[in-house]
Amino acid sequence: PQGGPTRVGESLGDLVAGIFASWAIGSALFARERTGRGRYVDVAMFDALVALQVTSLSLLTATGALPGRVGNRHP
């Protein structure tokens, strides 16, 4: 590679998984209010991080080209 990995200031996995968990909990509470039945909520940190890669994965799927390094900016 042209350099080491780009560092981020925050633990994105924790932040994004927390956001996804809050959405899932809100949805589960809404469903419980409507149906009277509880829900099982499971949030995986890895899956939450993969969801952030949608731009790179879309580019790879559409063009077949591997995205290049962009540092801390959005492509």
PDB file of N, CA and C in Angstrom:
ATOM      1  N   PRO A   1       0.826  -1.215   0.000  1.00  0.00           N
ATOM      2  CA  PRO A   1       0.000   0.000   0.000  1.00  0.00           C
ATOM      3  C   PRO A   1       0.856   1.259   0.000  1.00  0.00           C
ATOM      4  N   GLN A   2       0.213   2.371  -0.246  1.00  0.00           N
ATOM      5  CA  GLN A   2       0.920   3.650  -0.303  1.00  0.00           C
ATOM      6  C   GLN A   2       1.172   4.230   1.076  1.00  0.00           C
ATOM      7  N   GLY A   3       0.692   3.588   2.106  1.00  0.00           N
ATOM      8  CA  GLY A   3       0.880   4.088   3.464  1.00  0.00           C
ATOM      9  C   GLY A   3       0.103   3.237   4.439  1.00  0.00           C
ATOM     10  N   GLY A   4       0.234   3.580   5.691  1.00  0.00           N
ATOM     11  CA  GLY A   4      -0.481   2.845   6.727  1.00  0.00           C
ATOM     12  C   GLY A   4      -1.970   3.175   6.733  1.00  0.00           C
ATOM     13  N   PRO A   5      -2.712   2.480   7.559  1.00  0.00           N
ATOM     14  CA  PRO A   5      -4.143   2.741   7.646  1.00  0.00           C
ATOM     15  C   PRO A   5      -4.415   4.151   8.156  1.00  0.00           C
ATOM     16  N   THR A   6      -5.505   4.726   7.697  1.00  0.00           N
ATOM     17  CA  THR A   6      -5.922   6.036   8.181  1.00  0.00           C
ATOM     18  C   THR A   6      -6.586   5.874   9.537  1.00  0.00           C
ATOM     19  N   ARG A   7      -6.161   6.659  10.492  1.00  0.00           N
ATOM     20  CA  ARG A   7      -6.735   6.565  11.838  1.00  0.00           C
ATOM     21  C   ARG A   7      -7.972   7.458  11.925  1.00  0.00           C
ATOM     22  N   VAL A   8      -8.919   7.023  12.721  1.00  0.00           N
ATOM     23  CA  VAL A   8     -10.101   7.838  12.994  1.00  0.00           C
ATOM     24  C   VAL A   8     -10.050   8.281  14.447  1.00  0.00           C
ATOM     25  N   GLY A   9     -10.726   9.368  14.749  1.00  0.00           N
ATOM     26  CA  GLY A   9     -10.696   9.905  16.095  1.00  0.00           C
ATOM     27  C   GLY A   9     -11.578   9.156  17.072  1.00  0.00           C
ATOM     28  N   GLU A  10     -12.660   8.604  16.592  1.00  0.00           N
ATOM     29  CA  GLU A  10     -13.610   7.916  17.460  1.00  0.00           C
ATOM     30  C   GLU A  10     -13.629   6.431  17.132  1.00  0.00           C
ATOM     31  N   SER A  11     -14.239   5.674  18.014  1.00  0.00           N
ATOM     32  CA  SER A  11     -14.474   4.259  17.741  1.00  0.00           C
ATOM     33  C   SER A  11     -15.777   4.155  16.956  1.00  0.00           C
ATOM     34  N   LEU A  12     -15.669   4.173  15.639  1.00  0.00           N
ATOM     35  CA  LEU A  12     -16.865   4.191  14.797  1.00  0.00           C
ATOM     36  C   LEU A  12     -17.746   2.971  15.009  1.00  0.00           C
ATOM     37  N   GLY A  13     -17.142   1.831  15.280  1.00  0.00           N
ATOM     38  CA  GLY A  13     -17.937   0.627  15.512  1.00  0.00           C
ATOM     39  C   GLY A  13     -18.881   0.794  16.679  1.00  0.00           C
ATOM     40  N   ASP A  14     -18.378   1.357  17.772  1.00  0.00           N
ATOM     41  CA  ASP A  14     -19.224   1.584  18.944  1.00  0.00           C
ATOM     42  C   ASP A  14     -20.334   2.582  18.641  1.00  0.00           C
ATOM     43  N   LEU A  15     -19.979   3.676  17.974  1.00  0.00           N
ATOM     44  CA  LEU A  15     -20.972   4.713  17.685  1.00  0.00           C
ATOM     45  C   LEU A  15     -22.075   4.210  16.761  1.00  0.00           C
ATOM     46  N   VAL A  16     -21.679   3.595  15.660  1.00  0.00           N
ATOM     47  CA  VAL A  16     -22.664   3.151  14.676  1.00  0.00           C
ATOM     48  C   VAL A  16     -23.514   2.013  15.225  1.00  0.00           C
ATOM     49  N   ALA A  17     -22.902   1.077  15.930  1.00  0.00           N
ATOM     50  CA  ALA A  17     -23.682  -0.010  16.531  1.00  0.00           C
ATOM     51  C   ALA A  17     -24.674   0.548  17.547  1.00  0.00           C
ATOM     52  N   GLY A  18     -24.280   1.573  18.291  1.00  0.00           N
ATOM     53  CA  GLY A  18     -25.195   2.205  19.237  1.00  0.00           C
ATOM     54  C   GLY A  18     -26.373   2.864  18.546  1.00  0.00           C
ATOM     55  N   ILE A  19     -26.116   3.528  17.428  1.00  0.00           N
ATOM     56  CA  ILE A  19     -27.201   4.147  16.662  1.00  0.00           C
ATOM     57  C   ILE A  19     -28.139   3.077  16.123  1.00  0.00           C
ATOM     58  N   PHE A  20     -27.575   2.019  15.539  1.00  0.00           N
ATOM     59  CA  PHE A  20     -28.411   0.937  15.021  1.00  0.00           C
ATOM     60  C   PHE A  20     -29.206   0.278  16.142  1.00  0.00           C
ATOM     61  N   ALA A  21     -28.587   0.122  17.311  1.00  0.00           N
ATOM     62  CA  ALA A  21     -29.287  -0.473  18.454  1.00  0.00           C
ATOM     63  C   ALA A  21     -30.451   0.405  18.885  1.00  0.00           C
ATOM     64  N   SER A  22     -30.252   1.722  18.889  1.00  0.00           N
ATOM     65  CA  SER A  22     -31.348   2.610  19.288  1.00  0.00           C
ATOM     66  C   SER A  22     -32.510   2.514  18.306  1.00  0.00           C
ATOM     67  N   TRP A  23     -32.217   2.391  17.016  1.00  0.00           N
ATOM     68  CA  TRP A  23     -33.288   2.214  16.029  1.00  0.00           C
ATOM     69  C   TRP A  23     -34.020   0.896  16.264  1.00  0.00           C
ATOM     70  N   ALA A  24     -33.256  -0.161  16.518  1.00  0.00           N
ATOM     71  CA  ALA A  24     -33.866  -1.477  16.738  1.00  0.00           C
ATOM     72  C   ALA A  24     -34.714  -1.485  18.008  1.00  0.00           C
ATOM     73  N   ILE A  25     -34.234  -0.844  19.054  1.00  0.00           N
ATOM     74  CA  ILE A  25     -34.998  -0.783  20.304  1.00  0.00           C
ATOM     75  C   ILE A  25     -36.279   0.011  20.104  1.00  0.00           C
ATOM     76  N   GLY A  26     -36.186   1.138  19.420  1.00  0.00           N
ATOM     77  CA  GLY A  26     -37.384   1.930  19.128  1.00  0.00           C
ATOM     78  C   GLY A  26     -38.398   1.138  18.324  1.00  0.00           C
ATOM     79  N   SER A  27     -37.928   0.404  17.327  1.00  0.00           N
ATOM     80  CA  SER A  27     -38.826  -0.427  16.516  1.00  0.00           C
ATOM     81  C   SER A  27     -39.452  -1.534  17.345  1.00  0.00           C
ATOM     82  N   ALA A  28     -38.663  -2.140  18.229  1.00  0.00           N
ATOM     83  CA  ALA A  28     -39.183  -3.213  19.082  1.00  0.00           C
ATOM     84  C   ALA A  28     -40.235  -2.677  20.052  1.00  0.00           C
ATOM     85  N   LEU A  29     -40.000  -1.499  20.605  1.00  0.00           N
ATOM     86  CA  LEU A  29     -40.987  -0.904  21.512  1.00  0.00           C
ATOM     87  C   LEU A  29     -42.272  -0.546  20.775  1.00  0.00           C
ATOM     88  N   PHE A  30     -42.128  -0.032  19.563  1.00  0.00           N
ATOM     89  CA  PHE A  30     -43.303   0.289  18.753  1.00  0.00           C
ATOM     90  C   PHE A  30     -44.093  -0.981  18.435  1.00  0.00           C
ATOM     91  N   ALA A  31     -43.398  -2.047  18.063  1.00  0.00           N
ATOM     92  CA  ALA A  31     -44.068  -3.319  17.761  1.00  0.00           C
ATOM     93  C   ALA A  31     -44.744  -3.885  19.004  1.00  0.00           C
ATOM     94  N   ARG A  32     -44.094  -3.764  20.160  1.00  0.00           N
ATOM     95  CA  ARG A  32     -44.701  -4.263  21.396  1.00  0.00           C
ATOM     96  C   ARG A  32     -45.987  -3.503  21.717  1.00  0.00           C
ATOM     97  N   GLU A  33     -45.966  -2.207  21.472  1.00  0.00           N
ATOM     98  CA  GLU A  33     -47.160  -1.385  21.719  1.00  0.00           C
ATOM     99  C   GLU A  33     -48.319  -1.818  20.820  1.00  0.00           C
ATOM    100  N   ARG A  34     -48.000  -2.188  19.590  1.00  0.00           N
ATOM    101  CA  ARG A  34     -49.046  -2.580  18.636  1.00  0.00           C
ATOM    102  C   ARG A  34     -49.511  -4.013  18.821  1.00  0.00           C
ATOM    103  N   THR A  35     -48.589  -4.918  19.167  1.00  0.00           N
ATOM    104  CA  THR A  35     -48.930  -6.346  19.195  1.00  0.00           C
ATOM    105  C   THR A  35     -48.991  -6.936  20.595  1.00  0.00           C
ATOM    106  N   GLY A  36     -48.368  -6.264  21.565  1.00  0.00           N
ATOM    107  CA  GLY A  36     -48.317  -6.817  22.913  1.00  0.00           C
ATOM    108  C   GLY A  36     -47.235  -7.871  23.094  1.00  0.00           C
ATOM    109  N   ARG A  37     -46.455  -8.136  22.057  1.00  0.00           N
ATOM    110  CA  ARG A  37     -45.388  -9.139  22.117  1.00  0.00           C
ATOM    111  C   ARG A  37     -44.027  -8.458  22.060  1.00  0.00           C
ATOM    112  N   GLY A  38     -43.089  -9.004  22.815  1.00  0.00           N
ATOM    113  CA  GLY A  38     -41.734  -8.472  22.821  1.00  0.00           C
ATOM    114  C   GLY A  38     -40.946  -8.923  21.596  1.00  0.00           C
ATOM    115  N   ARG A  39     -39.792  -8.344  21.409  1.00  0.00           N
ATOM    116  CA  ARG A  39     -38.906  -8.674  20.292  1.00  0.00           C
ATOM    117  C   ARG A  39     -37.503  -8.926  20.826  1.00  0.00           C
ATOM    118  N   TYR A  40     -36.748  -9.714  20.100  1.00  0.00           N
ATOM    119  CA  TYR A  40     -35.341  -9.964  20.401  1.00  0.00           C
ATOM    120  C   TYR A  40     -34.514  -9.010  19.545  1.00  0.00           C
ATOM    121  N   VAL A  41     -33.663  -8.221  20.160  1.00  0.00           N
ATOM    122  CA  VAL A  41     -32.831  -7.254  19.439  1.00  0.00           C
ATOM    123  C   VAL A  41     -31.382  -7.725  19.490  1.00  0.00           C
ATOM    124  N   ASP A  42     -30.761  -7.851  18.327  1.00  0.00           N
ATOM    125  CA  ASP A  42     -29.366  -8.271  18.224  1.00  0.00           C
ATOM    126  C   ASP A  42     -28.666  -7.332  17.245  1.00  0.00           C
ATOM    127  N   VAL A  43     -27.657  -6.633  17.706  1.00  0.00           N
ATOM    128  CA  VAL A  43     -26.921  -5.700  16.858  1.00  0.00           C
ATOM    129  C   VAL A  43     -25.456  -6.117  16.847  1.00  0.00           C
ATOM    130  N   ALA A  44     -24.930  -6.373  15.656  1.00  0.00           N
ATOM    131  CA  ALA A  44     -23.527  -6.765  15.512  1.00  0.00           C
ATOM    132  C   ALA A  44     -22.706  -5.553  15.083  1.00  0.00           C
ATOM    133  N   MET A  45     -21.622  -5.295  15.779  1.00  0.00           N
ATOM    134  CA  MET A  45     -20.771  -4.157  15.466  1.00  0.00           C
ATOM    135  C   MET A  45     -20.171  -4.291  14.062  1.00  0.00           C
ATOM    136  N   PHE A  46     -19.782  -5.494  13.685  1.00  0.00           N
ATOM    137  CA  PHE A  46     -19.207  -5.711  12.352  1.00  0.00           C
ATOM    138  C   PHE A  46     -20.220  -5.368  11.263  1.00  0.00           C
ATOM    139  N   ASP A  47     -21.463  -5.836  11.431  1.00  0.00           N
ATOM    140  CA  ASP A  47     -22.502  -5.550  10.440  1.00  0.00           C
ATOM    141  C   ASP A  47     -22.771  -4.052  10.334  1.00  0.00           C
ATOM    142  N   ALA A  48     -22.736  -3.364  11.462  1.00  0.00           N
ATOM    143  CA  ALA A  48     -22.944  -1.916  11.452  1.00  0.00           C
ATOM    144  C   ALA A  48     -21.837  -1.221  10.664  1.00  0.00           C
ATOM    145  N   LEU A  49     -20.597  -1.680  10.821  1.00  0.00           N
ATOM    146  CA  LEU A  49     -19.488  -1.076  10.085  1.00  0.00           C
ATOM    147  C   LEU A  49     -19.555  -1.394   8.594  1.00  0.00           C
ATOM    148  N   VAL A  50     -19.986  -2.595   8.247  1.00  0.00           N
ATOM    149  CA  VAL A  50     -20.126  -2.944   6.829  1.00  0.00           C
ATOM    150  C   VAL A  50     -21.174  -2.050   6.174  1.00  0.00           C
ATOM    151  N   ALA A  51     -22.218  -1.688   6.916  1.00  0.00           N
ATOM    152  CA  ALA A  51     -23.255  -0.799   6.378  1.00  0.00           C
ATOM    153  C   ALA A  51     -22.673   0.561   6.004  1.00  0.00           C
ATOM    154  N   LEU A  52     -21.590   0.972   6.640  1.00  0.00           N
ATOM    155  CA  LEU A  52     -20.951   2.245   6.296  1.00  0.00           C
ATOM    156  C   LEU A  52     -20.179   2.171   4.981  1.00  0.00           C
ATOM    157  N   GLN A  53     -19.898   0.982   4.501  1.00  0.00           N
ATOM    158  CA  GLN A  53     -19.093   0.804   3.296  1.00  0.00           C
ATOM    159  C   GLN A  53     -19.919   0.790   2.023  1.00  0.00           C
ATOM    160  N   VAL A  54     -21.169   1.229   2.099  1.00  0.00           N
ATOM    161  CA  VAL A  54     -22.077   1.100   0.965  1.00  0.00           C
ATOM    162  C   VAL A  54     -21.544   1.806  -0.284  1.00  0.00           C
ATOM    163  N   THR A  55     -20.885   2.949  -0.152  1.00  0.00           N
ATOM    164  CA  THR A  55     -20.369   3.662  -1.320  1.00  0.00           C
ATOM    165  C   THR A  55     -19.284   2.847  -2.017  1.00  0.00           C
ATOM    166  N   SER A  56     -18.338   2.341  -1.262  1.00  0.00           N
ATOM    167  CA  SER A  56     -17.250   1.557  -1.852  1.00  0.00           C
ATOM    168  C   SER A  56     -17.765   0.256  -2.451  1.00  0.00           C
ATOM    169  N   LEU A  57     -18.678  -0.410  -1.756  1.00  0.00           N
ATOM    170  CA  LEU A  57     -19.223  -1.665  -2.273  1.00  0.00           C
ATOM    171  C   LEU A  57     -20.058  -1.440  -3.527  1.00  0.00           C
ATOM    172  N   SER A  58     -20.798  -0.340  -3.575  1.00  0.00           N
ATOM    173  CA  SER A  58     -21.586  -0.024  -4.768  1.00  0.00           C
ATOM    174  C   SER A  58     -20.678   0.240  -5.956  1.00  0.00           C
ATOM    175  N   LEU A  59     -19.605   0.983  -5.731  1.00  0.00           N
ATOM    176  CA  LEU A  59     -18.648   1.263  -6.797  1.00  0.00           C
ATOM    177  C   LEU A  59     -18.013  -0.021  -7.306  1.00  0.00           C
ATOM    178  N   LEU A  60     -17.619  -0.892  -6.412  1.00  0.00           N
ATOM    179  CA  LEU A  60     -17.014  -2.164  -6.797  1.00  0.00           C
ATOM    180  C   LEU A  60     -18.001  -3.014  -7.594  1.00  0.00           C
ATOM    181  N   THR A  61     -19.250  -3.075  -7.136  1.00  0.00           N
ATOM    182  CA  THR A  61     -20.259  -3.875  -7.828  1.00  0.00           C
ATOM    183  C   THR A  61     -20.573  -3.310  -9.210  1.00  0.00           C
ATOM    184  N   ALA A  62     -20.669  -1.990  -9.321  1.00  0.00           N
ATOM    185  CA  ALA A  62     -21.053  -1.358 -10.583  1.00  0.00           C
ATOM    186  C   ALA A  62     -19.939  -1.372 -11.617  1.00  0.00           C
ATOM    187  N   THR A  63     -18.691  -1.163 -11.188  1.00  0.00           N
ATOM    188  CA  THR A  63     -17.603  -1.010 -12.149  1.00  0.00           C
ATOM    189  C   THR A  63     -16.609  -2.163 -12.145  1.00  0.00           C
ATOM    190  N   GLY A  64     -16.577  -2.927 -11.062  1.00  0.00           N
ATOM    191  CA  GLY A  64     -15.596  -3.997 -10.942  1.00  0.00           C
ATOM    192  C   GLY A  64     -14.222  -3.504 -10.523  1.00  0.00           C
ATOM    193  N   ALA A  65     -14.072  -2.186 -10.380  1.00  0.00           N
ATOM    194  CA  ALA A  65     -12.787  -1.609  -9.992  1.00  0.00           C
ATOM    195  C   ALA A  65     -12.726  -1.436  -8.480  1.00  0.00           C
ATOM    196  N   LEU A  66     -11.582  -1.764  -7.910  1.00  0.00           N
ATOM    197  CA  LEU A  66     -11.396  -1.555  -6.479  1.00  0.00           C
ATOM    198  C   LEU A  66     -11.245  -0.065  -6.198  1.00  0.00           C
ATOM    199  N   PRO A  67     -11.971   0.459  -5.226  1.00  0.00           N
ATOM    200  CA  PRO A  67     -11.828   1.882  -4.890  1.00  0.00           C
ATOM    201  C   PRO A  67     -10.428   2.171  -4.359  1.00  0.00           C
ATOM    202  N   GLY A  68      -9.905   3.327  -4.692  1.00  0.00           N
ATOM    203  CA  GLY A  68      -8.584   3.719  -4.203  1.00  0.00           C
ATOM    204  C   GLY A  68      -8.659   4.308  -2.806  1.00  0.00           C
ATOM    205  N   ARG A  69      -7.512   4.609  -2.258  1.00  0.00           N
ATOM    206  CA  ARG A  69      -7.444   5.205  -0.927  1.00  0.00           C
ATOM    207  C   ARG A  69      -7.858   6.672  -1.015  1.00  0.00           C
ATOM    208  N   VAL A  70      -8.677   7.105  -0.055  1.00  0.00           N
ATOM    209  CA  VAL A  70      -9.134   8.497  -0.052  1.00  0.00           C
ATOM    210  C   VAL A  70      -8.805   9.212   1.255  1.00  0.00           C
ATOM    211  N   GLY A  71      -8.158   8.540   2.180  1.00  0.00           N
ATOM    212  CA  GLY A  71      -7.830   9.171   3.454  1.00  0.00           C
ATOM    213  C   GLY A  71      -9.070   9.361   4.308  1.00  0.00           C
ATOM    214  N   ASN A  72      -9.202  10.536   4.909  1.00  0.00           N
ATOM    215  CA  ASN A  72     -10.326  10.811   5.796  1.00  0.00           C
ATOM    216  C   ASN A  72     -11.511  11.464   5.098  1.00  0.00           C
ATOM    217  N   ARG A  73     -11.485  11.590   3.808  1.00  0.00           N
ATOM    218  CA  ARG A  73     -12.599  12.249   3.124  1.00  0.00           C
ATOM    219  C   ARG A  73     -13.554  11.223   2.532  1.00  0.00           C
ATOM    220  N   HIS A  74     -14.739  11.691   2.186  1.00  0.00           N
ATOM    221  CA  HIS A  74     -15.760  10.829   1.583  1.00  0.00           C
ATOM    222  C   HIS A  74     -15.537  10.799   0.081  1.00  0.00           C
ATOM    223  N   PRO A  75     -15.691   9.619  -0.546  1.00  0.00           N
ATOM    224  CA  PRO A  75     -15.462   9.569  -1.998  1.00  0.00           C
ATOM    225  C   PRO A  75     -16.512  10.343  -2.728  1.00  0.00           C
TER     226      PRO A  75
END
